[in-house]
Amino acid sequence: MQGASALFAYHIALEEGTVTVPTPPPPERFNPFGETNYQAIEEPILKGKLGTNRVSHIELVHLTVTIAQEFRYQFWPVDQADSWDSQFKNLAPQQRS
């Protein structure tokens, strides 16, 4: 599976465009230990850290928050999570999943 993740990210990075990644909503967006395939394999490739092409932007979307499923915000090169927080941070817990 890790090889597939690397190939997937490599081919996306060749386009040098914007990629959208689904994650849980803040503050849990990523594994705190960096142990997901996205964090350990795909993200470094998408950012060009392995000497490959890189995407221009990485956006995040939080599909588990029904009213926010269409809302995307930039995660890289500038993390704009505050734009998500300003609109959705105060949702009741049952609205966040």
C-alpha atoms as a PDB file:
ATOM      1  CA  MET A   1       0.000   0.000   0.000  1.00  0.00           C
ATOM      2  CA  GLN A   2       2.840   2.401   0.720  1.00  0.00           C
ATOM      3  CA  GLY A   3       4.192   1.996  -2.792  1.00  0.00           C
ATOM      4  CA  ALA A   4       0.771   2.828  -4.175  1.00  0.00           C
ATOM      5  CA  SER A   5       0.647   5.953  -1.987  1.00  0.00           C
ATOM      6  CA  ALA A   6       4.016   7.074  -3.307  1.00  0.00           C
ATOM      7  CA  LEU A   7       3.020   6.514  -6.938  1.00  0.00           C
ATOM      8  CA  PHE A   8      -0.284   8.271  -6.383  1.00  0.00           C
ATOM      9  CA  ALA A   9       1.422  11.334  -4.891  1.00  0.00           C
ATOM     10  CA  TYR A  10       4.141  11.342  -7.562  1.00  0.00           C
ATOM     11  CA  HIS A  11       1.622  11.428 -10.411  1.00  0.00           C
ATOM     12  CA  ILE A  12      -0.402  14.172  -8.727  1.00  0.00           C
ATOM     13  CA  ALA A  13       2.753  16.248  -8.211  1.00  0.00           C
ATOM     14  CA  LEU A  14       3.572  15.984 -11.926  1.00  0.00           C
ATOM     15  CA  GLU A  15       0.548  18.189 -12.634  1.00  0.00           C
ATOM     16  CA  GLU A  16       1.960  20.935 -10.352  1.00  0.00           C
ATOM     17  CA  GLY A  17      -1.574  22.133  -9.583  1.00  0.00           C
ATOM     18  CA  THR A  18      -3.712  22.153  -6.462  1.00  0.00           C
ATOM     19  CA  VAL A  19      -4.549  18.935  -4.615  1.00  0.00           C
ATOM     20  CA  THR A  20      -7.415  18.552  -2.132  1.00  0.00           C
ATOM     21  CA  VAL A  21      -6.967  16.147   0.780  1.00  0.00           C
ATOM     22  CA  PRO A  22      -9.866  14.961   2.973  1.00  0.00           C
ATOM     23  CA  THR A  23      -9.028  14.939   6.691  1.00  0.00           C
ATOM     24  CA  PRO A  24     -10.850  15.077  10.027  1.00  0.00           C
ATOM     25  CA  PRO A  25     -11.687  18.634  11.118  1.00  0.00           C
ATOM     26  CA  PRO A  26      -9.381  20.725  13.315  1.00  0.00           C
ATOM     27  CA  PRO A  27      -7.862  20.229  15.757  1.00  0.00           C
ATOM     28  CA  GLU A  28      -7.495  16.527  14.844  1.00  0.00           C
ATOM     29  CA  ARG A  29      -6.573  17.064  11.175  1.00  0.00           C
ATOM     30  CA  PHE A  30      -3.591  14.718  11.267  1.00  0.00           C
ATOM     31  CA  ASN A  31      -2.087  11.969  13.398  1.00  0.00           C
ATOM     32  CA  PRO A  32       0.018  13.748  16.061  1.00  0.00           C
ATOM     33  CA  PHE A  33       2.818  11.220  15.532  1.00  0.00           C
ATOM     34  CA  GLY A  34       2.935  11.670  11.752  1.00  0.00           C
ATOM     35  CA  GLU A  35       2.262   7.995  11.164  1.00  0.00           C
ATOM     36  CA  THR A  36      -0.316   8.089   8.375  1.00  0.00           C
ATOM     37  CA  ASN A  37       0.579   7.236   4.777  1.00  0.00           C
ATOM     38  CA  TYR A  38      -0.359  10.785   3.846  1.00  0.00           C
ATOM     39  CA  GLN A  39       2.005  12.349   6.384  1.00  0.00           C
ATOM     40  CA  ALA A  40       4.902   9.946   5.991  1.00  0.00           C
ATOM     41  CA  ILE A  41       4.778   9.282   2.239  1.00  0.00           C
ATOM     42  CA  GLU A  42       2.388  11.404   0.200  1.00  0.00           C
ATOM     43  CA  GLU A  43       2.839  14.871   1.734  1.00  0.00           C
ATOM     44  CA  PRO A  44       6.650  15.019   1.288  1.00  0.00           C
ATOM     45  CA  ILE A  45       6.244  14.010  -2.363  1.00  0.00           C
ATOM     46  CA  LEU A  46       3.462  16.540  -2.961  1.00  0.00           C
ATOM     47  CA  LYS A  47       5.662  19.263  -1.425  1.00  0.00           C
ATOM     48  CA  GLY A  48       8.632  18.308  -3.634  1.00  0.00           C
ATOM     49  CA  LYS A  49      10.857  17.353  -0.701  1.00  0.00           C
ATOM     50  CA  LEU A  50      12.134  14.268  -2.508  1.00  0.00           C
ATOM     51  CA  GLY A  51      13.472  16.150  -5.499  1.00  0.00           C
ATOM     52  CA  THR A  52      10.344  15.669  -7.575  1.00  0.00           C
ATOM     53  CA  ASN A  53       7.872  18.154  -8.971  1.00  0.00           C
ATOM     54  CA  ARG A  54       5.603  19.699  -6.376  1.00  0.00           C
ATOM     55  CA  VAL A  55       2.019  20.851  -6.310  1.00  0.00           C
ATOM     56  CA  SER A  56       1.330  24.571  -6.052  1.00  0.00           C
ATOM     57  CA  HIS A  57      -1.131  24.238  -3.159  1.00  0.00           C
ATOM     58  CA  ILE A  58      -2.530  21.619  -0.822  1.00  0.00           C
ATOM     59  CA  GLU A  59      -6.102  22.224   0.280  1.00  0.00           C
ATOM     60  CA  LEU A  60      -7.990  20.411   3.021  1.00  0.00           C
ATOM     61  CA  VAL A  61     -11.663  19.497   3.159  1.00  0.00           C
ATOM     62  CA  HIS A  62     -13.486  17.968   6.137  1.00  0.00           C
ATOM     63  CA  LEU A  63     -16.131  15.662   4.708  1.00  0.00           C
ATOM     64  CA  THR A  64     -17.355  14.443   8.097  1.00  0.00           C
ATOM     65  CA  VAL A  65     -18.754  17.906   8.840  1.00  0.00           C
ATOM     66  CA  THR A  66     -21.875  17.833   6.698  1.00  0.00           C
ATOM     67  CA  ILE A  67     -22.431  21.589   6.496  1.00  0.00           C
ATOM     68  CA  ALA A  68     -18.762  22.155   5.624  1.00  0.00           C
ATOM     69  CA  GLN A  69     -18.287  19.454   2.975  1.00  0.00           C
ATOM     70  CA  GLU A  70     -17.878  21.980   0.164  1.00  0.00           C
ATOM     71  CA  PHE A  71     -15.560  24.298   2.124  1.00  0.00           C
ATOM     72  CA  ARG A  72     -11.889  23.936   1.213  1.00  0.00           C
ATOM     73  CA  TYR A  73      -8.979  25.928   2.571  1.00  0.00           C
ATOM     74  CA  GLN A  74      -5.275  26.095   1.868  1.00  0.00           C
ATOM     75  CA  PHE A  75      -3.039  23.969   4.075  1.00  0.00           C
ATOM     76  CA  TRP A  76       0.240  24.459   2.213  1.00  0.00           C
ATOM     77  CA  PRO A  77       2.297  26.532   1.510  1.00  0.00           C
ATOM     78  CA  VAL A  78       0.349  28.687   4.003  1.00  0.00           C
ATOM     79  CA  ASP A  79      -1.926  27.003   6.539  1.00  0.00           C
ATOM     80  CA  GLN A  80      -5.175  28.948   6.480  1.00  0.00           C
ATOM     81  CA  ALA A  81      -7.038  26.838   9.044  1.00  0.00           C
ATOM     82  CA  ASP A  82      -8.218  30.061  10.655  1.00  0.00           C
ATOM     83  CA  SER A  83     -10.609  30.518   7.715  1.00  0.00           C
ATOM     84  CA  TRP A  84     -12.233  27.173   8.596  1.00  0.00           C
ATOM     85  CA  ASP A  85     -12.201  27.985  12.311  1.00  0.00           C
ATOM     86  CA  SER A  86     -13.882  31.344  11.770  1.00  0.00           C
ATOM     87  CA  GLN A  87     -16.861  29.655  10.107  1.00  0.00           C
ATOM     88  CA  PHE A  88     -17.140  26.224  11.713  1.00  0.00           C
ATOM     89  CA  LYS A  89     -15.138  26.066  14.967  1.00  0.00           C
ATOM     90  CA  ASN A  90     -18.133  26.647  17.230  1.00  0.00           C
ATOM     91  CA  LEU A  91     -20.244  23.804  15.860  1.00  0.00           C
ATOM     92  CA  ALA A  92     -21.777  21.500  18.434  1.00  0.00           C
ATOM     93  CA  PRO A  93     -19.985  18.126  18.614  1.00  0.00           C
ATOM     94  CA  GLN A  94     -22.886  16.297  16.933  1.00  0.00           C
ATOM     95  CA  GLN A  95     -22.609  18.698  13.978  1.00  0.00           C
ATOM     96  CA  ARG A  96     -18.906  17.915  13.550  1.00  0.00           C
ATOM     97  CA  SER A  97     -19.378  14.300  12.550  1.00  0.00           C
END
